[in-house]
Amino acid sequence: MSRREGAIHDPACSIWDVPADSQPEALLAAGVRDEDMVAYLSAVRPLYDALKRCLGQMGGVLLLLQARGLERGRGDVLMTSIRTQLDEAGERLRCFPVPPKAGRHHAMLTGLAKALCEIRGRLERTVDLIDPSSVALGAVVDALFGIHRGLLATADPGVGLSPVDFTAACCTCRPRTKAHAA
């Protein structure tokens, strides 16, 4: 956390950088020959990563709520981080060209981002999610599982869209290494 600004990520954080394995040269080397698809995949990788990161963070918030171990201040910081990431991901999803071949993929990612925003809203109104027998809790858990299935359906590990990536498992504000540099 940037102490000076109270932000979740340092100003120079690489959260929205395109990882080396999703740079155009790497995608071409991986066999993607369509230039429009190369551009799309390079643009979409940080967004895919943000959606899966938000999914994991929301699951963590839900677990902490159930264990009654989420402090109010820390919960607010987590929810602010999730809100910021989802807002930026949604904006970025609307701002780059989508080739016809990627239309369905892009629509699925956009739908997943909207679903995560809806769940975020539910988590921000935590009262009905603390009771383990709550119908609302079951609906949120089901929705999180549905989003996970959607991320699996939109995955393509061959081009870097993978639901599991241990290079940024916790925080992207880590020292850059040669493997992470673009």
N, C-alpha and C. Protein backbone atom coordinates (compact mmCIF):
# COMPACT_ATOMS: atom_id res chain seq x y z
N MET A 1 0.85 -1.18 0.00
CA MET A 1 0.00 0.00 0.00
C MET A 1 0.89 1.23 0.00
N SER A 2 0.56 2.17 -0.78
CA SER A 2 1.30 3.42 -0.82
C SER A 2 0.92 4.23 0.41
N ARG A 3 1.82 4.34 1.33
CA ARG A 3 1.54 5.05 2.59
C ARG A 3 1.22 6.52 2.34
N ARG A 4 1.94 7.10 1.42
CA ARG A 4 1.79 8.51 1.16
C ARG A 4 0.41 8.86 0.62
N GLU A 5 -0.12 8.05 -0.25
CA GLU A 5 -1.38 8.39 -0.90
C GLU A 5 -2.55 7.57 -0.39
N GLY A 6 -2.30 6.58 0.47
CA GLY A 6 -3.38 5.76 0.98
C GLY A 6 -3.99 4.86 -0.06
N ALA A 7 -3.30 4.65 -1.16
CA ALA A 7 -3.81 3.83 -2.25
C ALA A 7 -3.45 2.37 -2.04
N ILE A 8 -4.13 1.51 -2.75
CA ILE A 8 -3.84 0.08 -2.70
C ILE A 8 -2.58 -0.22 -3.50
N HIS A 9 -2.41 0.45 -4.61
CA HIS A 9 -1.26 0.20 -5.48
C HIS A 9 -0.39 1.44 -5.55
N ASP A 10 0.92 1.22 -5.63
CA ASP A 10 1.84 2.33 -5.83
C ASP A 10 1.56 2.99 -7.16
N PRO A 11 1.92 4.27 -7.29
CA PRO A 11 1.67 4.96 -8.56
C PRO A 11 2.30 4.26 -9.77
N ALA A 12 3.43 3.60 -9.58
CA ALA A 12 4.09 2.92 -10.70
C ALA A 12 3.74 1.44 -10.77
N CYS A 13 2.66 1.04 -10.12
CA CYS A 13 2.25 -0.36 -10.08
C CYS A 13 2.02 -0.90 -11.49
N SER A 14 2.36 -2.15 -11.66
CA SER A 14 2.23 -2.77 -12.98
C SER A 14 0.89 -3.48 -13.18
N ILE A 15 -0.12 -3.14 -12.38
CA ILE A 15 -1.40 -3.86 -12.43
C ILE A 15 -2.03 -3.88 -13.82
N TRP A 16 -1.84 -2.80 -14.61
CA TRP A 16 -2.46 -2.76 -15.93
C TRP A 16 -1.47 -2.98 -17.06
N ASP A 17 -0.24 -3.34 -16.72
CA ASP A 17 0.75 -3.64 -17.75
C ASP A 17 0.40 -4.95 -18.45
N VAL A 18 0.75 -5.03 -19.70
CA VAL A 18 0.57 -6.28 -20.44
C VAL A 18 1.78 -7.17 -20.12
N PRO A 19 1.54 -8.34 -19.52
CA PRO A 19 2.66 -9.23 -19.20
C PRO A 19 3.43 -9.63 -20.46
N ALA A 20 4.69 -9.97 -20.26
CA ALA A 20 5.58 -10.30 -21.38
C ALA A 20 4.99 -11.40 -22.27
N ASP A 21 4.33 -12.41 -21.67
CA ASP A 21 3.80 -13.51 -22.48
C ASP A 21 2.57 -13.12 -23.28
N SER A 22 2.07 -11.90 -23.09
CA SER A 22 0.94 -11.42 -23.88
C SER A 22 1.30 -10.23 -24.75
N GLN A 23 2.59 -9.93 -24.83
CA GLN A 23 3.05 -8.89 -25.75
C GLN A 23 2.88 -9.41 -27.18
N PRO A 24 2.71 -8.52 -28.14
CA PRO A 24 2.51 -8.97 -29.53
C PRO A 24 3.55 -9.97 -30.03
N GLU A 25 4.82 -9.74 -29.72
CA GLU A 25 5.87 -10.65 -30.19
C GLU A 25 5.66 -12.06 -29.62
N ALA A 26 5.31 -12.14 -28.36
CA ALA A 26 5.09 -13.45 -27.72
C ALA A 26 3.87 -14.14 -28.31
N LEU A 27 2.82 -13.38 -28.58
CA LEU A 27 1.62 -13.97 -29.17
C LEU A 27 1.89 -14.49 -30.58
N LEU A 28 2.66 -13.73 -31.33
CA LEU A 28 3.03 -14.19 -32.67
C LEU A 28 3.85 -15.47 -32.58
N ALA A 29 4.78 -15.51 -31.63
CA ALA A 29 5.60 -16.71 -31.43
C ALA A 29 4.76 -17.90 -30.98
N ALA A 30 3.65 -17.61 -30.28
CA ALA A 30 2.75 -18.68 -29.82
C ALA A 30 1.83 -19.17 -30.93
N GLY A 31 1.88 -18.53 -32.09
CA GLY A 31 1.10 -19.02 -33.22
C GLY A 31 -0.11 -18.19 -33.60
N VAL A 32 -0.34 -17.07 -32.93
CA VAL A 32 -1.46 -16.20 -33.30
C VAL A 32 -1.02 -15.40 -34.52
N ARG A 33 -1.70 -15.55 -35.63
CA ARG A 33 -1.27 -14.93 -36.89
C ARG A 33 -2.10 -13.71 -37.29
N ASP A 34 -3.26 -13.58 -36.74
CA ASP A 34 -4.15 -12.47 -37.08
C ASP A 34 -3.74 -11.25 -36.25
N GLU A 35 -3.32 -10.17 -36.91
CA GLU A 35 -2.84 -8.97 -36.22
C GLU A 35 -3.92 -8.34 -35.34
N ASP A 36 -5.17 -8.38 -35.80
CA ASP A 36 -6.26 -7.83 -34.99
C ASP A 36 -6.44 -8.64 -33.70
N MET A 37 -6.29 -9.95 -33.80
CA MET A 37 -6.40 -10.80 -32.61
C MET A 37 -5.21 -10.59 -31.67
N VAL A 38 -4.04 -10.38 -32.23
CA VAL A 38 -2.86 -10.09 -31.40
C VAL A 38 -3.11 -8.83 -30.59
N ALA A 39 -3.60 -7.78 -31.25
CA ALA A 39 -3.90 -6.52 -30.55
C ALA A 39 -4.97 -6.73 -29.49
N TYR A 40 -6.02 -7.47 -29.83
CA TYR A 40 -7.10 -7.74 -28.88
C TYR A 40 -6.56 -8.50 -27.66
N LEU A 41 -5.83 -9.57 -27.91
CA LEU A 41 -5.33 -10.40 -26.80
C LEU A 41 -4.37 -9.62 -25.91
N SER A 42 -3.56 -8.76 -26.49
CA SER A 42 -2.66 -7.93 -25.69
C SER A 42 -3.46 -6.96 -24.82
N ALA A 43 -4.51 -6.40 -25.36
CA ALA A 43 -5.33 -5.44 -24.61
C ALA A 43 -6.17 -6.12 -23.54
N VAL A 44 -6.63 -7.33 -23.81
CA VAL A 44 -7.57 -7.98 -22.91
C VAL A 44 -6.89 -8.70 -21.74
N ARG A 45 -5.63 -9.05 -21.88
CA ARG A 45 -4.95 -9.81 -20.82
C ARG A 45 -5.00 -9.12 -19.46
N PRO A 46 -4.63 -7.83 -19.33
CA PRO A 46 -4.70 -7.22 -18.00
C PRO A 46 -6.13 -7.17 -17.45
N LEU A 47 -7.10 -7.11 -18.34
CA LEU A 47 -8.50 -7.07 -17.91
C LEU A 47 -8.95 -8.42 -17.41
N TYR A 48 -8.56 -9.47 -18.11
CA TYR A 48 -8.85 -10.83 -17.66
C TYR A 48 -8.23 -11.05 -16.28
N ASP A 49 -6.98 -10.63 -16.13
CA ASP A 49 -6.29 -10.78 -14.86
C ASP A 49 -7.01 -10.00 -13.75
N ALA A 50 -7.48 -8.80 -14.06
CA ALA A 50 -8.20 -7.99 -13.06
C ALA A 50 -9.49 -8.67 -12.63
N LEU A 51 -10.22 -9.27 -13.59
CA LEU A 51 -11.48 -9.94 -13.24
C LEU A 51 -11.21 -11.13 -12.33
N LYS A 52 -10.20 -11.91 -12.64
CA LYS A 52 -9.93 -13.08 -11.79
C LYS A 52 -9.40 -12.62 -10.42
N ARG A 53 -8.64 -11.53 -10.39
CA ARG A 53 -8.16 -11.00 -9.11
C ARG A 53 -9.34 -10.53 -8.25
N CYS A 54 -10.29 -9.83 -8.86
CA CYS A 54 -11.47 -9.36 -8.13
C CYS A 54 -12.31 -10.53 -7.64
N LEU A 55 -12.45 -11.56 -8.46
CA LEU A 55 -13.19 -12.74 -8.03
C LEU A 55 -12.55 -13.34 -6.78
N GLY A 56 -11.24 -13.49 -6.79
CA GLY A 56 -10.54 -14.04 -5.63
C GLY A 56 -10.68 -13.15 -4.42
N GLN A 57 -10.58 -11.84 -4.60
CA GLN A 57 -10.72 -10.92 -3.49
C GLN A 57 -12.13 -10.97 -2.90
N MET A 58 -13.13 -11.06 -3.76
CA MET A 58 -14.50 -11.14 -3.27
C MET A 58 -14.74 -12.44 -2.50
N GLY A 59 -14.18 -13.53 -3.01
CA GLY A 59 -14.28 -14.79 -2.27
C GLY A 59 -13.64 -14.67 -0.90
N GLY A 60 -12.51 -14.00 -0.84
CA GLY A 60 -11.84 -13.79 0.44
C GLY A 60 -12.66 -12.93 1.38
N VAL A 61 -13.26 -11.87 0.86
CA VAL A 61 -14.13 -11.02 1.69
C VAL A 61 -15.29 -11.83 2.23
N LEU A 62 -15.89 -12.65 1.39
CA LEU A 62 -17.02 -13.47 1.81
C LEU A 62 -16.61 -14.44 2.91
N LEU A 63 -15.46 -15.07 2.76
CA LEU A 63 -14.97 -15.97 3.80
C LEU A 63 -14.72 -15.24 5.11
N LEU A 64 -14.12 -14.07 5.01
CA LEU A 64 -13.86 -13.29 6.22
C LEU A 64 -15.16 -12.85 6.90
N LEU A 65 -16.15 -12.50 6.11
CA LEU A 65 -17.45 -12.13 6.68
C LEU A 65 -18.05 -13.31 7.44
N GLN A 66 -17.95 -14.49 6.85
CA GLN A 66 -18.51 -15.68 7.49
C GLN A 66 -17.76 -16.03 8.77
N ALA A 67 -16.47 -15.76 8.79
CA ALA A 67 -15.67 -16.05 9.97
C ALA A 67 -15.71 -14.90 10.96
N ARG A 68 -16.44 -13.87 10.60
CA ARG A 68 -16.53 -12.66 11.40
C ARG A 68 -15.14 -12.09 11.69
N GLY A 69 -14.27 -12.24 10.72
CA GLY A 69 -12.90 -11.79 10.90
C GLY A 69 -12.53 -10.61 10.03
N LEU A 70 -13.50 -9.97 9.43
CA LEU A 70 -13.20 -8.83 8.56
C LEU A 70 -13.44 -7.55 9.34
N GLU A 71 -12.35 -6.86 9.62
CA GLU A 71 -12.45 -5.59 10.32
C GLU A 71 -13.07 -4.56 9.39
N ARG A 72 -13.84 -3.66 9.94
CA ARG A 72 -14.55 -2.66 9.14
C ARG A 72 -13.59 -1.87 8.25
N GLY A 73 -12.50 -1.36 8.80
CA GLY A 73 -11.56 -0.56 8.02
C GLY A 73 -10.91 -1.37 6.91
N ARG A 74 -10.47 -2.58 7.23
CA ARG A 74 -9.82 -3.43 6.22
C ARG A 74 -10.83 -3.84 5.14
N GLY A 75 -12.05 -4.12 5.55
CA GLY A 75 -13.08 -4.45 4.57
C GLY A 75 -13.35 -3.31 3.62
N ASP A 76 -13.36 -2.09 4.14
CA ASP A 76 -13.56 -0.92 3.28
C ASP A 76 -12.42 -0.77 2.28
N VAL A 77 -11.19 -1.02 2.74
CA VAL A 77 -10.03 -0.92 1.84
C VAL A 77 -10.14 -1.97 0.74
N LEU A 78 -10.50 -3.20 1.11
CA LEU A 78 -10.64 -4.26 0.11
C LEU A 78 -11.74 -3.93 -0.90
N MET A 79 -12.87 -3.48 -0.40
CA MET A 79 -13.99 -3.17 -1.30
C MET A 79 -13.66 -1.98 -2.21
N THR A 80 -12.92 -1.01 -1.68
CA THR A 80 -12.49 0.12 -2.51
C THR A 80 -11.56 -0.36 -3.62
N SER A 81 -10.65 -1.26 -3.28
CA SER A 81 -9.74 -1.83 -4.27
C SER A 81 -10.52 -2.57 -5.35
N ILE A 82 -11.47 -3.39 -4.94
CA ILE A 82 -12.28 -4.15 -5.90
C ILE A 82 -13.08 -3.20 -6.78
N ARG A 83 -13.69 -2.20 -6.18
CA ARG A 83 -14.49 -1.24 -6.94
C ARG A 83 -13.62 -0.51 -7.97
N THR A 84 -12.44 -0.07 -7.55
CA THR A 84 -11.54 0.65 -8.45
C THR A 84 -11.10 -0.24 -9.61
N GLN A 85 -10.72 -1.46 -9.32
CA GLN A 85 -10.28 -2.38 -10.37
C GLN A 85 -11.41 -2.68 -11.35
N LEU A 86 -12.62 -2.93 -10.83
CA LEU A 86 -13.74 -3.24 -11.71
C LEU A 86 -14.16 -2.03 -12.55
N ASP A 87 -14.13 -0.85 -11.95
CA ASP A 87 -14.48 0.35 -12.71
C ASP A 87 -13.50 0.56 -13.86
N GLU A 88 -12.21 0.41 -13.55
CA GLU A 88 -11.21 0.61 -14.60
C GLU A 88 -11.28 -0.50 -15.65
N ALA A 89 -11.47 -1.73 -15.22
CA ALA A 89 -11.57 -2.84 -16.18
C ALA A 89 -12.77 -2.63 -17.10
N GLY A 90 -13.91 -2.22 -16.54
CA GLY A 90 -15.09 -1.97 -17.35
C GLY A 90 -14.86 -0.87 -18.37
N GLU A 91 -14.20 0.20 -17.94
CA GLU A 91 -13.88 1.30 -18.85
C GLU A 91 -12.94 0.83 -19.96
N ARG A 92 -11.93 0.08 -19.60
CA ARG A 92 -10.97 -0.41 -20.60
C ARG A 92 -11.61 -1.40 -21.57
N LEU A 93 -12.56 -2.20 -21.08
CA LEU A 93 -13.25 -3.14 -21.98
C LEU A 93 -14.03 -2.41 -23.08
N ARG A 94 -14.44 -1.19 -22.79
CA ARG A 94 -15.20 -0.41 -23.77
C ARG A 94 -14.31 0.39 -24.72
N CYS A 95 -13.00 0.39 -24.49
CA CYS A 95 -12.14 1.36 -25.18
C CYS A 95 -11.15 0.81 -26.19
N PHE A 96 -11.29 -0.41 -26.63
CA PHE A 96 -10.37 -0.89 -27.65
C PHE A 96 -11.15 -1.67 -28.69
N PRO A 97 -10.61 -1.73 -29.91
CA PRO A 97 -11.31 -2.42 -30.98
C PRO A 97 -11.40 -3.93 -30.72
N VAL A 98 -12.54 -4.48 -31.06
CA VAL A 98 -12.77 -5.92 -30.88
C VAL A 98 -12.98 -6.53 -32.27
N PRO A 99 -12.05 -7.39 -32.68
CA PRO A 99 -12.23 -8.02 -33.99
C PRO A 99 -13.43 -8.96 -33.97
N PRO A 100 -14.06 -9.16 -35.12
CA PRO A 100 -15.25 -10.04 -35.17
C PRO A 100 -15.01 -11.41 -34.55
N LYS A 101 -13.82 -11.97 -34.73
CA LYS A 101 -13.51 -13.29 -34.17
C LYS A 101 -13.55 -13.30 -32.65
N ALA A 102 -13.36 -12.13 -32.04
CA ALA A 102 -13.30 -12.04 -30.58
C ALA A 102 -14.59 -11.49 -29.97
N GLY A 103 -15.59 -11.26 -30.79
CA GLY A 103 -16.83 -10.66 -30.30
C GLY A 103 -17.48 -11.42 -29.15
N ARG A 104 -17.59 -12.71 -29.30
CA ARG A 104 -18.23 -13.53 -28.24
C ARG A 104 -17.38 -13.52 -26.98
N HIS A 105 -16.07 -13.63 -27.13
CA HIS A 105 -15.16 -13.61 -25.99
C HIS A 105 -15.29 -12.29 -25.24
N HIS A 106 -15.26 -11.20 -25.99
CA HIS A 106 -15.36 -9.87 -25.38
C HIS A 106 -16.70 -9.69 -24.68
N ALA A 107 -17.77 -10.15 -25.30
CA ALA A 107 -19.10 -10.04 -24.68
C ALA A 107 -19.15 -10.84 -23.38
N MET A 108 -18.52 -12.01 -23.37
CA MET A 108 -18.50 -12.81 -22.13
C MET A 108 -17.72 -12.09 -21.03
N LEU A 109 -16.56 -11.52 -21.38
CA LEU A 109 -15.78 -10.80 -20.37
C LEU A 109 -16.54 -9.58 -19.86
N THR A 110 -17.22 -8.89 -20.75
CA THR A 110 -18.01 -7.73 -20.34
C THR A 110 -19.13 -8.17 -19.39
N GLY A 111 -19.78 -9.27 -19.70
CA GLY A 111 -20.82 -9.81 -18.82
C GLY A 111 -20.26 -10.23 -17.46
N LEU A 112 -19.08 -10.82 -17.46
CA LEU A 112 -18.45 -11.22 -16.19
C LEU A 112 -18.11 -9.98 -15.35
N ALA A 113 -17.64 -8.93 -16.00
CA ALA A 113 -17.34 -7.69 -15.27
C ALA A 113 -18.60 -7.11 -14.65
N LYS A 114 -19.70 -7.12 -15.39
CA LYS A 114 -20.97 -6.61 -14.85
C LYS A 114 -21.46 -7.47 -13.69
N ALA A 115 -21.32 -8.77 -13.82
CA ALA A 115 -21.74 -9.67 -12.74
C ALA A 115 -20.90 -9.45 -11.49
N LEU A 116 -19.60 -9.23 -11.67
CA LEU A 116 -18.75 -8.94 -10.51
C LEU A 116 -19.15 -7.62 -9.85
N CYS A 117 -19.54 -6.64 -10.64
CA CYS A 117 -20.01 -5.36 -10.08
C CYS A 117 -21.28 -5.57 -9.25
N GLU A 118 -22.17 -6.42 -9.73
CA GLU A 118 -23.39 -6.71 -8.98
C GLU A 118 -23.07 -7.39 -7.65
N ILE A 119 -22.15 -8.34 -7.68
CA ILE A 119 -21.76 -9.02 -6.44
C ILE A 119 -21.05 -8.05 -5.50
N ARG A 120 -20.22 -7.19 -6.07
CA ARG A 120 -19.56 -6.18 -5.24
C ARG A 120 -20.61 -5.36 -4.48
N GLY A 121 -21.66 -4.97 -5.17
CA GLY A 121 -22.73 -4.22 -4.52
C GLY A 121 -23.35 -5.01 -3.38
N ARG A 122 -23.54 -6.31 -3.57
CA ARG A 122 -24.09 -7.16 -2.50
C ARG A 122 -23.13 -7.24 -1.32
N LEU A 123 -21.84 -7.35 -1.60
CA LEU A 123 -20.85 -7.44 -0.52
C LEU A 123 -20.75 -6.13 0.25
N GLU A 124 -21.02 -5.04 -0.41
CA GLU A 124 -20.99 -3.75 0.27
C GLU A 124 -22.18 -3.59 1.22
N ARG A 125 -23.22 -4.38 0.99
CA ARG A 125 -24.38 -4.41 1.89
C ARG A 125 -24.35 -5.75 2.63
N THR A 126 -23.40 -5.89 3.55
CA THR A 126 -23.06 -7.19 4.13
C THR A 126 -24.06 -7.77 5.12
N VAL A 127 -25.01 -7.02 5.58
CA VAL A 127 -25.87 -7.48 6.65
C VAL A 127 -26.49 -8.84 6.38
N ASP A 128 -27.02 -9.04 5.18
CA ASP A 128 -27.69 -10.31 4.88
C ASP A 128 -26.74 -11.42 4.45
N LEU A 129 -25.44 -11.14 4.43
CA LEU A 129 -24.47 -12.16 4.03
C LEU A 129 -23.71 -12.76 5.22
N ILE A 130 -23.98 -12.28 6.40
CA ILE A 130 -23.28 -12.77 7.59
C ILE A 130 -23.90 -14.07 8.09
N ASP A 131 -25.20 -14.22 7.93
CA ASP A 131 -25.91 -15.42 8.38
C ASP A 131 -25.65 -16.57 7.39
N PRO A 132 -24.99 -17.66 7.86
CA PRO A 132 -24.67 -18.78 6.96
C PRO A 132 -25.89 -19.42 6.30
N SER A 133 -27.07 -19.28 6.89
CA SER A 133 -28.27 -19.89 6.31
C SER A 133 -29.02 -18.92 5.39
N SER A 134 -28.46 -17.77 5.15
CA SER A 134 -29.10 -16.73 4.34
C SER A 134 -29.26 -17.17 2.88
N VAL A 135 -30.45 -16.93 2.35
CA VAL A 135 -30.70 -17.18 0.93
C VAL A 135 -29.83 -16.26 0.09
N ALA A 136 -29.65 -15.03 0.56
CA ALA A 136 -28.82 -14.06 -0.17
C ALA A 136 -27.37 -14.54 -0.24
N LEU A 137 -26.88 -15.14 0.83
CA LEU A 137 -25.52 -15.67 0.83
C LEU A 137 -25.39 -16.77 -0.22
N GLY A 138 -26.36 -17.67 -0.27
CA GLY A 138 -26.33 -18.75 -1.26
C GLY A 138 -26.32 -18.20 -2.68
N ALA A 139 -27.08 -17.14 -2.92
CA ALA A 139 -27.12 -16.54 -4.26
C ALA A 139 -25.77 -15.93 -4.63
N VAL A 140 -25.12 -15.28 -3.68
CA VAL A 140 -23.81 -14.68 -3.94
C VAL A 140 -22.77 -15.76 -4.22
N VAL A 141 -22.79 -16.83 -3.42
CA VAL A 141 -21.85 -17.93 -3.64
C VAL A 141 -22.08 -18.56 -5.00
N ASP A 142 -23.34 -18.80 -5.35
CA ASP A 142 -23.65 -19.36 -6.67
C ASP A 142 -23.16 -18.44 -7.79
N ALA A 143 -23.34 -17.13 -7.62
CA ALA A 143 -22.90 -16.18 -8.63
C ALA A 143 -21.37 -16.19 -8.77
N LEU A 144 -20.66 -16.28 -7.65
CA LEU A 144 -19.20 -16.34 -7.70
C LEU A 144 -18.74 -17.60 -8.45
N PHE A 145 -19.39 -18.73 -8.18
CA PHE A 145 -19.06 -19.96 -8.90
C PHE A 145 -19.36 -19.81 -10.39
N GLY A 146 -20.45 -19.13 -10.72
CA GLY A 146 -20.79 -18.89 -12.13
C GLY A 146 -19.74 -18.03 -12.82
N ILE A 147 -19.24 -17.03 -12.13
CA ILE A 147 -18.20 -16.18 -12.71
C ILE A 147 -16.92 -16.99 -12.89
N HIS A 148 -16.62 -17.84 -11.93
CA HIS A 148 -15.45 -18.70 -12.07
C HIS A 148 -15.58 -19.58 -13.31
N ARG A 149 -16.75 -20.15 -13.51
CA ARG A 149 -16.97 -20.97 -14.71
C ARG A 149 -16.81 -20.12 -15.98
N GLY A 150 -17.26 -18.88 -15.93
CA GLY A 150 -17.11 -17.97 -17.07
C GLY A 150 -15.65 -17.66 -17.36
N LEU A 151 -14.86 -17.47 -16.31
CA LEU A 151 -13.43 -17.23 -16.52
C LEU A 151 -12.75 -18.46 -17.10
N LEU A 152 -13.18 -19.64 -16.66
CA LEU A 152 -12.63 -20.86 -17.26
C LEU A 152 -13.02 -20.97 -18.73
N ALA A 153 -14.26 -20.59 -19.05
CA ALA A 153 -14.73 -20.68 -20.44
C ALA A 153 -14.02 -19.68 -21.34
N THR A 154 -13.57 -18.56 -20.80
CA THR A 154 -12.88 -17.55 -21.61
C THR A 154 -11.36 -17.69 -21.55
N ALA A 155 -10.89 -18.69 -20.84
CA ALA A 155 -9.45 -18.91 -20.70
C ALA A 155 -8.85 -19.44 -22.00
N ASP A 156 -7.61 -19.09 -22.21
CA ASP A 156 -6.80 -19.66 -23.29
C ASP A 156 -5.35 -19.58 -22.83
N PRO A 157 -4.91 -20.57 -22.05
CA PRO A 157 -3.55 -20.52 -21.50
C PRO A 157 -2.46 -20.36 -22.55
N GLY A 158 -2.69 -20.80 -23.76
CA GLY A 158 -1.70 -20.66 -24.82
C GLY A 158 -1.38 -19.23 -25.17
N VAL A 159 -2.29 -18.30 -24.85
CA VAL A 159 -2.05 -16.88 -25.11
C VAL A 159 -2.04 -16.06 -23.81
N GLY A 160 -1.87 -16.75 -22.70
CA GLY A 160 -1.72 -16.06 -21.42
C GLY A 160 -2.99 -15.82 -20.64
N LEU A 161 -4.14 -16.24 -21.15
CA LEU A 161 -5.40 -16.06 -20.43
C LEU A 161 -5.65 -17.32 -19.61
N SER A 162 -5.13 -17.31 -18.40
CA SER A 162 -5.19 -18.49 -17.56
C SER A 162 -5.82 -18.15 -16.22
N PRO A 163 -6.73 -18.99 -15.73
CA PRO A 163 -7.38 -18.69 -14.46
C PRO A 163 -6.43 -18.77 -13.27
N VAL A 164 -5.30 -19.41 -13.42
CA VAL A 164 -4.33 -19.48 -12.34
C VAL A 164 -3.01 -18.93 -12.84
N ASP A 165 -2.50 -17.91 -12.15
CA ASP A 165 -1.23 -17.30 -12.50
C ASP A 165 -0.52 -16.95 -11.21
N PHE A 166 0.51 -17.70 -10.89
CA PHE A 166 1.20 -17.50 -9.62
C PHE A 166 2.23 -16.39 -9.67
N THR A 167 2.41 -15.74 -10.81
CA THR A 167 3.39 -14.66 -10.87
C THR A 167 2.89 -13.42 -10.16
N ALA A 168 1.60 -13.28 -9.97
CA ALA A 168 1.04 -12.13 -9.26
C ALA A 168 -0.03 -12.62 -8.30
N ALA A 169 0.29 -13.66 -7.54
CA ALA A 169 -0.70 -14.30 -6.70
C ALA A 169 -1.26 -13.39 -5.63
N CYS A 170 -0.47 -12.48 -5.12
CA CYS A 170 -0.96 -11.65 -4.02
C CYS A 170 -1.13 -10.21 -4.45
N CYS A 171 -0.06 -9.60 -4.82
CA CYS A 171 -0.12 -8.17 -5.16
C CYS A 171 0.77 -7.90 -6.34
N THR A 172 0.35 -7.03 -7.20
CA THR A 172 1.16 -6.70 -8.35
C THR A 172 2.16 -5.61 -8.05
N CYS A 173 2.14 -5.06 -6.86
CA CYS A 173 3.13 -4.04 -6.47
C CYS A 173 4.36 -4.75 -5.91
N ARG A 174 4.93 -5.57 -6.73
CA ARG A 174 6.11 -6.31 -6.33
C ARG A 174 7.29 -5.81 -7.15
N PRO A 175 8.49 -6.05 -6.69
CA PRO A 175 9.62 -5.61 -7.52
C PRO A 175 9.58 -6.30 -8.87
N ARG A 176 9.85 -5.57 -9.91
CA ARG A 176 9.88 -6.14 -11.26
C ARG A 176 11.12 -6.99 -11.41
N THR A 177 10.94 -8.12 -12.05
CA THR A 177 12.07 -8.97 -12.39
C THR A 177 12.16 -9.04 -13.89
N LYS A 178 13.22 -9.63 -14.38
CA LYS A 178 13.36 -9.73 -15.84
C LYS A 178 12.19 -10.49 -16.45
N ALA A 179 11.68 -11.50 -15.73
CA ALA A 179 10.55 -12.29 -16.25
C ALA A 179 9.28 -11.46 -16.34
N HIS A 180 9.15 -10.44 -15.51
CA HIS A 180 7.93 -9.63 -15.51
C HIS A 180 8.06 -8.36 -16.34
N ALA A 181 9.26 -8.02 -16.71
CA ALA A 181 9.46 -6.79 -17.49
C ALA A 181 8.97 -7.01 -18.92
N ALA A 182 8.43 -5.97 -19.48
CA ALA A 182 7.91 -6.06 -20.86
C ALA A 182 9.01 -5.93 -21.87
